[in-house]
Protein backbone atom coordinates (compact mmCIF):
# COMPACT_ATOMS: atom_id res chain seq x y z
CA UNK A 1 143.74 -96.34 -186.20
CA UNK A 2 143.09 -93.46 -188.60
CA UNK A 3 142.11 -89.92 -187.69
CA UNK A 4 141.27 -87.47 -190.45
CA UNK A 5 141.67 -83.69 -190.15
CA UNK A 6 140.13 -81.07 -192.44
CA UNK A 7 141.23 -77.42 -192.45
CA UNK A 8 141.53 -74.70 -195.06
CA UNK A 9 145.03 -73.46 -194.25
CA UNK A 10 146.87 -76.49 -192.89
CA UNK A 11 148.67 -74.45 -190.22
CA UNK A 12 148.14 -77.14 -187.57
CA UNK A 13 149.69 -79.87 -189.69
CA UNK A 14 153.21 -79.85 -188.26
CA UNK A 15 152.00 -79.79 -184.64
CA UNK A 16 149.53 -82.61 -185.35
CA UNK A 17 152.27 -84.77 -186.83
CA UNK A 18 154.50 -84.10 -183.83
CA UNK A 19 151.65 -84.98 -181.47
CA UNK A 20 150.89 -88.23 -183.31
CA UNK A 21 154.56 -89.20 -183.37
CA UNK A 22 154.78 -88.57 -179.62
CA UNK A 23 151.79 -90.80 -178.89
CA UNK A 24 153.00 -93.54 -181.21
CA UNK A 25 156.38 -93.52 -179.48
CA UNK A 26 155.18 -93.42 -175.87
CA UNK A 27 152.10 -95.63 -176.11
CA UNK A 28 153.03 -97.96 -178.96
CA UNK A 29 150.05 -96.90 -181.05
CA UNK A 30 149.55 -97.33 -184.76
CA UNK A 31 148.03 -93.86 -185.15
CA UNK A 32 147.83 -92.62 -188.72
CA UNK A 33 146.76 -89.10 -189.63
CA UNK A 34 145.07 -88.02 -192.83
CA UNK A 35 145.45 -84.25 -193.26
CA UNK A 36 143.49 -82.30 -195.86
CA UNK A 37 143.42 -78.58 -196.68
CA UNK A 38 142.54 -76.34 -199.60
CA UNK A 39 145.77 -77.18 -201.43
CA UNK A 40 145.09 -80.92 -201.34
CA UNK A 41 141.44 -80.73 -202.48
CA UNK A 42 141.64 -79.29 -205.98
CA UNK A 43 140.88 -82.13 -208.38
CA UNK A 44 138.24 -84.83 -208.69
CA UNK A 45 140.88 -87.38 -207.72
CA UNK A 46 141.56 -85.43 -204.51
CA UNK A 47 137.90 -85.48 -203.56
CA UNK A 48 137.64 -89.17 -204.37
CA UNK A 49 140.63 -89.88 -202.15
CA UNK A 50 139.01 -87.85 -199.36
CA UNK A 51 135.81 -89.90 -199.67
CA UNK A 52 137.80 -93.12 -199.34
CA UNK A 53 139.72 -91.83 -196.33
CA UNK A 54 136.51 -90.69 -194.61
CA UNK A 55 135.01 -94.14 -195.17
CA UNK A 56 138.09 -95.74 -193.53
CA UNK A 57 138.55 -93.19 -190.72
CA UNK A 58 137.93 -93.85 -187.04
CA UNK A 59 137.29 -90.14 -186.42
CA UNK A 60 136.88 -87.02 -188.58
CA UNK A 61 137.70 -83.55 -187.29
CA UNK A 62 137.41 -80.21 -189.11
CA UNK A 63 138.03 -76.56 -188.30
CA UNK A 64 137.84 -73.17 -190.04
CA UNK A 65 136.05 -74.49 -193.12
CA UNK A 66 134.32 -71.55 -194.78
CA UNK A 67 134.97 -71.25 -198.51
CA UNK A 68 131.83 -71.92 -200.55
CA UNK A 69 133.94 -73.84 -203.07
CA UNK A 70 134.55 -76.44 -200.36
CA UNK A 71 131.48 -76.27 -198.11
CA UNK A 72 129.05 -78.04 -200.45
CA UNK A 73 131.30 -80.98 -201.40
CA UNK A 74 132.50 -81.30 -197.80
CA UNK A 75 128.91 -81.40 -196.59
CA UNK A 76 128.17 -84.28 -198.93
CA UNK A 77 131.35 -86.11 -197.89
CA UNK A 78 130.66 -85.71 -194.17
CA UNK A 79 127.08 -86.93 -194.54
CA UNK A 80 128.49 -90.25 -195.76
CA UNK A 81 130.77 -90.72 -192.73
CA UNK A 82 129.97 -93.66 -190.46
CA UNK A 83 132.54 -92.72 -187.79
CA UNK A 84 132.25 -89.89 -185.22
CA UNK A 85 132.54 -86.40 -186.75
CA UNK A 86 133.41 -83.14 -184.99
CA UNK A 87 133.47 -79.81 -186.85
CA UNK A 88 134.23 -76.51 -185.09
CA UNK A 89 134.64 -72.81 -186.03
CA UNK A 90 133.35 -73.42 -189.56
CA UNK A 91 130.38 -72.82 -191.81
CA UNK A 92 127.23 -73.53 -189.72
CA UNK A 93 126.05 -76.27 -192.08
CA UNK A 94 129.32 -78.13 -191.51
CA UNK A 95 129.30 -77.62 -187.74
CA UNK A 96 125.85 -79.24 -187.68
CA UNK A 97 127.44 -82.42 -189.04
CA UNK A 98 128.98 -82.94 -185.59
CA UNK A 99 127.99 -86.30 -184.11
CA UNK A 100 130.10 -87.69 -181.30
CA UNK A 101 128.69 -90.32 -178.96
CA UNK A 102 125.21 -89.27 -177.90
CA UNK A 103 125.74 -85.66 -178.97
CA UNK A 104 124.38 -84.93 -182.46
CA UNK A 105 124.31 -81.26 -183.39
CA UNK A 106 121.23 -81.39 -185.58
CA UNK A 107 117.95 -79.60 -184.99
CA UNK A 108 116.12 -82.84 -184.24
CA UNK A 109 118.66 -83.59 -181.49
CA UNK A 110 117.71 -80.47 -179.57
CA UNK A 111 114.00 -81.18 -179.89
CA UNK A 112 114.41 -84.57 -178.17
CA UNK A 113 116.17 -83.14 -175.13
CA UNK A 114 114.21 -81.39 -172.39
CA UNK A 115 115.52 -78.98 -169.81
CA UNK A 116 119.23 -78.44 -169.29
CA UNK A 117 120.57 -80.33 -172.32
CA UNK A 118 118.14 -78.60 -174.65
CA UNK A 119 119.44 -75.23 -173.47
CA UNK A 120 123.09 -76.28 -173.85
CA UNK A 121 122.62 -77.74 -177.34
CA UNK A 122 120.69 -74.65 -178.41
CA UNK A 123 123.50 -72.36 -177.24
CA UNK A 124 126.20 -74.45 -178.93
CA UNK A 125 124.43 -74.39 -182.29
CA UNK A 126 126.00 -71.66 -184.51
CA UNK A 127 123.83 -68.60 -184.96
CA UNK A 128 125.99 -66.42 -187.21
CA UNK A 129 126.66 -62.72 -186.88
CA UNK A 130 129.71 -60.60 -186.13
CA UNK A 131 129.79 -61.51 -182.43
CA UNK A 132 129.42 -65.28 -182.93
CA UNK A 133 133.05 -66.10 -182.13
CA UNK A 134 132.95 -64.14 -178.87
CA UNK A 135 129.66 -65.79 -177.88
CA UNK A 136 131.00 -69.27 -178.60
CA UNK A 137 134.24 -68.61 -176.70
CA UNK A 138 132.30 -67.47 -173.64
CA UNK A 139 130.33 -70.72 -173.71
CA UNK A 140 133.48 -72.77 -174.23
CA UNK A 141 135.25 -71.20 -171.27
CA UNK A 142 132.32 -71.51 -168.88
CA UNK A 143 129.87 -74.29 -169.77
CA UNK A 144 132.58 -76.95 -170.15
CA UNK A 145 133.49 -76.73 -166.47
CA UNK A 146 129.96 -77.81 -165.52
CA UNK A 147 129.94 -80.86 -167.80
CA UNK A 148 133.40 -82.29 -167.20
CA UNK A 149 132.44 -84.84 -164.56
CA UNK A 150 128.94 -85.76 -165.77
CA UNK A 151 128.37 -89.07 -167.62
CA UNK A 152 126.58 -89.84 -170.87
CA UNK A 153 125.67 -87.06 -173.23
CA UNK A 154 127.19 -84.43 -170.95
CA UNK A 155 130.59 -86.03 -171.49
CA UNK A 156 130.16 -85.80 -175.27
CA UNK A 157 129.18 -82.14 -175.03
CA UNK A 158 132.26 -81.63 -172.85
CA UNK A 159 134.35 -83.24 -175.61
CA UNK A 160 132.91 -80.85 -178.19
CA UNK A 161 133.66 -77.86 -175.98
CA UNK A 162 137.16 -79.04 -175.04
CA UNK A 163 138.37 -79.57 -178.60
CA UNK A 164 137.84 -75.86 -179.21
CA UNK A 165 140.31 -75.12 -176.43
CA UNK A 166 142.87 -77.70 -177.55
CA UNK A 167 142.66 -76.43 -181.12
CA UNK A 168 142.84 -72.73 -180.29
CA UNK A 169 145.84 -73.22 -177.99
CA UNK A 170 147.51 -75.35 -180.63
CA UNK A 171 150.88 -76.42 -179.28
CA UNK A 172 151.95 -79.98 -180.11
CA UNK A 173 151.38 -80.86 -176.42
CA UNK A 174 147.80 -79.58 -176.51
CA UNK A 175 147.08 -81.39 -179.77
CA UNK A 176 148.51 -84.59 -178.26
CA UNK A 177 146.09 -84.14 -175.37
CA UNK A 178 143.24 -83.61 -177.82
CA UNK A 179 144.16 -86.79 -179.69
CA UNK A 180 144.19 -88.68 -176.39
CA UNK A 181 140.70 -87.46 -175.51
CA UNK A 182 139.25 -88.32 -178.91
CA UNK A 183 140.87 -91.76 -179.00
CA UNK A 184 139.92 -92.58 -175.41
CA UNK A 185 136.28 -91.63 -175.87
CA UNK A 186 135.50 -92.46 -179.50
CA UNK A 187 137.86 -95.10 -180.89
CA UNK A 188 136.73 -98.62 -179.82
CA UNK A 189 139.23 -100.61 -177.82
CA UNK A 190 141.24 -97.69 -176.42
CA UNK A 191 139.22 -96.70 -173.35
CA UNK A 192 141.64 -96.09 -170.47
CA UNK A 193 144.76 -96.65 -172.59
CA UNK A 194 145.73 -92.99 -172.89
CA UNK A 195 145.74 -90.17 -170.32
CA UNK A 196 142.97 -87.59 -170.70
CA UNK A 197 144.20 -84.18 -169.58
CA UNK A 198 142.68 -80.72 -169.66
CA UNK A 199 143.85 -78.26 -172.33
CA UNK A 200 146.72 -75.96 -171.49
CA UNK A 201 145.21 -72.48 -171.75
CA UNK A 202 147.72 -69.93 -172.93
CA UNK A 203 146.98 -66.22 -172.35
CA UNK A 204 145.23 -64.28 -175.10
CA UNK A 205 147.77 -61.47 -174.77
CA UNK A 206 151.35 -61.91 -173.63
CA UNK A 207 154.62 -60.03 -173.35
CA UNK A 208 157.75 -61.74 -174.59
CA UNK A 209 160.94 -60.79 -172.77
CA UNK A 210 164.04 -62.31 -174.41
CA UNK A 211 165.78 -62.86 -171.05
CA UNK A 212 162.85 -64.11 -168.98
CA UNK A 213 163.81 -67.47 -167.41
CA UNK A 214 160.24 -68.81 -167.10
CA UNK A 215 156.68 -67.75 -167.99
CA UNK A 216 155.03 -65.52 -165.41
CA UNK A 217 151.38 -64.49 -165.02
CA UNK A 218 152.43 -61.00 -163.93
CA UNK A 219 155.41 -58.78 -164.69
CA UNK A 220 156.32 -55.11 -163.98
CA UNK A 221 155.97 -53.76 -167.52
CA UNK A 222 155.57 -50.08 -168.42
CA UNK A 223 154.83 -48.47 -171.76
CA UNK A 224 157.85 -46.69 -173.22
CA UNK A 225 157.20 -43.37 -174.95
CA UNK A 226 160.30 -43.89 -177.09
CA UNK A 227 159.16 -47.20 -178.59
CA UNK A 228 156.46 -47.51 -181.24
CA UNK A 229 153.66 -49.96 -181.90
CA UNK A 230 153.63 -53.21 -179.94
CA UNK A 231 157.13 -52.82 -178.58
CA UNK A 232 157.24 -52.23 -174.84
CA UNK A 233 159.89 -51.74 -172.23
CA UNK A 234 160.39 -53.41 -168.87
CA UNK A 235 161.49 -51.41 -165.86
CA UNK A 236 165.01 -52.68 -166.34
CA UNK A 237 165.02 -51.02 -169.75
CA UNK A 238 164.87 -54.23 -171.79
CA UNK A 239 162.62 -54.35 -174.84
CA UNK A 240 159.60 -56.66 -174.82
CA UNK A 241 157.25 -57.79 -177.58
CA UNK A 242 153.48 -58.00 -177.33
CA UNK A 243 151.66 -60.90 -178.98
CA UNK A 244 148.01 -61.88 -179.22
CA UNK A 245 146.30 -65.23 -179.67
CA UNK A 246 143.26 -65.10 -181.95
CA UNK A 247 140.68 -67.86 -182.60
């Protein structure tokens, strides 16, 4: 079983390898990952190797693919794929290459669907603009809850929405859950073999206290006038750090 991942920066690589190793160990899978980023797609030989791997892949996933130097050749490569393809948070032309199950994010797909599905597909299609990320995240956090338990195309739309959440909250555990969902739903012969679990949603903004025993949704934190920037102080006088999660 081969899953191929395309990104520009490769920052998810280590967590993906950990997730795959975990699944191989616990479920006796023969899961092989093919990871590509901007540093591994520089020569004609690199692009030829990518084309071969796409032809042999059971699933292709991509995220944050924007550079014009890569968009055109990637578009051609993805058009040749015969396996399911899912592209998120990328150039709109690449996102439209998404085709998983009955969900195909092309213009013709929307035209064939009346009513509810036509509205959902229309909203999921990238529209561009400075507020596009915020608009997409609102849809991801709300629409997915309505589709989770519906069969057929609704399930495929739920998959597309869920992978955004797994990928954004990119711990090795979340990426293992994402791999389970993709394998269960889109790799023949593995239905029901792996557990399908919801993404773990980490907070967008958090305070890190070095002595906190466990995570807590609330904490008595006050701003200290003697500490600059994103350093804060708890009521016991201990220093805390503020961190943010960005898409």
